[in-house]
Amino acid sequence: MPIYEYKCEDGHIGTRLRSISHREVPTTCKKCEKDAFYIISTPTVTLDGTDEGFPDAYSKFSKVHESYGS
């Protein structure tokens, strides 16, 4: 099952693991308990070794690509 994002009228955004057939059905916000509705959002993608949050992997990645001239 995919993970979908939902937003309530107070602006809280939360995620839910739901079937595709239930993604449009409103859910309850975990913070304020108001109705939360499905929103379309972009996925977050992080490639291992290219994220500066992992300095050792990032530096190794950079060195390899510098040696290739890219």
Protein backbone atom coordinates (compact mmCIF):
# COMPACT_ATOMS: atom_id res chain seq x y z
CA MET A 1 0.00 0.00 0.00
CA PRO A 2 1.24 3.50 -0.80
CA ILE A 3 1.73 6.34 1.68
CA TYR A 4 -0.39 9.45 1.08
CA GLU A 5 -0.26 12.94 2.58
CA TYR A 6 -3.28 14.61 4.12
CA LYS A 7 -3.82 18.20 5.25
CA CYS A 8 -6.41 19.59 7.67
CA GLU A 9 -7.94 23.08 7.65
CA ASP A 10 -5.44 24.16 10.35
CA GLY A 11 -2.56 23.36 7.99
CA HIS A 12 -1.23 20.23 9.68
CA ILE A 13 0.16 17.71 7.21
CA GLY A 14 0.35 14.03 8.02
CA THR A 15 0.85 10.74 6.22
CA ARG A 16 -1.27 7.63 6.07
CA LEU A 17 -0.68 4.17 4.65
CA ARG A 18 -3.86 3.46 2.66
CA SER A 19 -5.07 1.52 -0.33
CA ILE A 20 -5.37 3.39 -3.61
CA SER A 21 -9.15 3.04 -3.53
CA HIS A 22 -9.30 4.88 -0.16
CA ARG A 23 -6.83 7.70 -0.81
CA GLU A 24 -9.58 10.29 -1.52
CA VAL A 25 -11.55 9.42 1.64
CA PRO A 26 -10.94 12.08 4.33
CA THR A 27 -9.13 10.96 7.48
CA THR A 28 -8.68 12.49 10.93
CA CYS A 29 -5.74 14.78 11.67
CA LYS A 30 -3.60 13.29 14.45
CA LYS A 31 -2.78 16.74 15.90
CA CYS A 32 -6.16 18.50 16.02
CA GLU A 33 -8.60 15.67 15.21
CA LYS A 34 -10.28 17.66 12.40
CA ASP A 35 -10.94 16.20 8.96
CA ALA A 36 -7.84 15.95 6.81
CA PHE A 37 -8.01 15.71 3.04
CA TYR A 38 -5.75 14.05 0.50
CA ILE A 39 -3.19 16.38 -1.10
CA ILE A 40 -0.95 15.82 -4.08
CA SER A 41 2.70 16.19 -3.16
CA THR A 42 6.06 15.40 -4.70
CA PRO A 43 8.01 12.40 -3.46
CA THR A 44 11.24 12.83 -1.55
CA VAL A 45 14.14 11.00 -3.13
CA THR A 46 17.60 10.69 -1.61
CA LEU A 47 20.33 8.75 -3.35
CA ASP A 48 22.77 7.05 -1.00
CA GLY A 49 26.20 8.60 -1.26
CA THR A 50 25.03 11.89 -2.75
CA ASP A 51 23.45 13.51 0.29
CA GLU A 52 25.55 15.99 2.28
CA GLY A 53 23.83 14.63 5.41
CA PHE A 54 26.20 11.66 5.07
CA PRO A 55 29.57 13.44 4.80
CA ASP A 56 31.74 10.36 4.32
CA ALA A 57 29.59 8.94 1.55
CA TYR A 58 29.21 12.37 -0.07
CA SER A 59 32.97 13.00 -0.08
CA LYS A 60 33.65 9.57 -1.59
CA PHE A 61 31.02 10.22 -4.26
CA SER A 62 32.54 13.64 -5.04
CA LYS A 63 36.06 12.23 -5.32
CA VAL A 64 34.95 9.54 -7.74
CA HIS A 65 33.15 12.04 -9.95
CA GLU A 66 36.03 14.54 -9.83
CA SER A 67 38.37 11.82 -11.08
CA TYR A 68 36.06 11.31 -14.08
CA GLY A 69 35.90 15.02 -14.75
CA SER A 70 32.17 15.38 -14.07
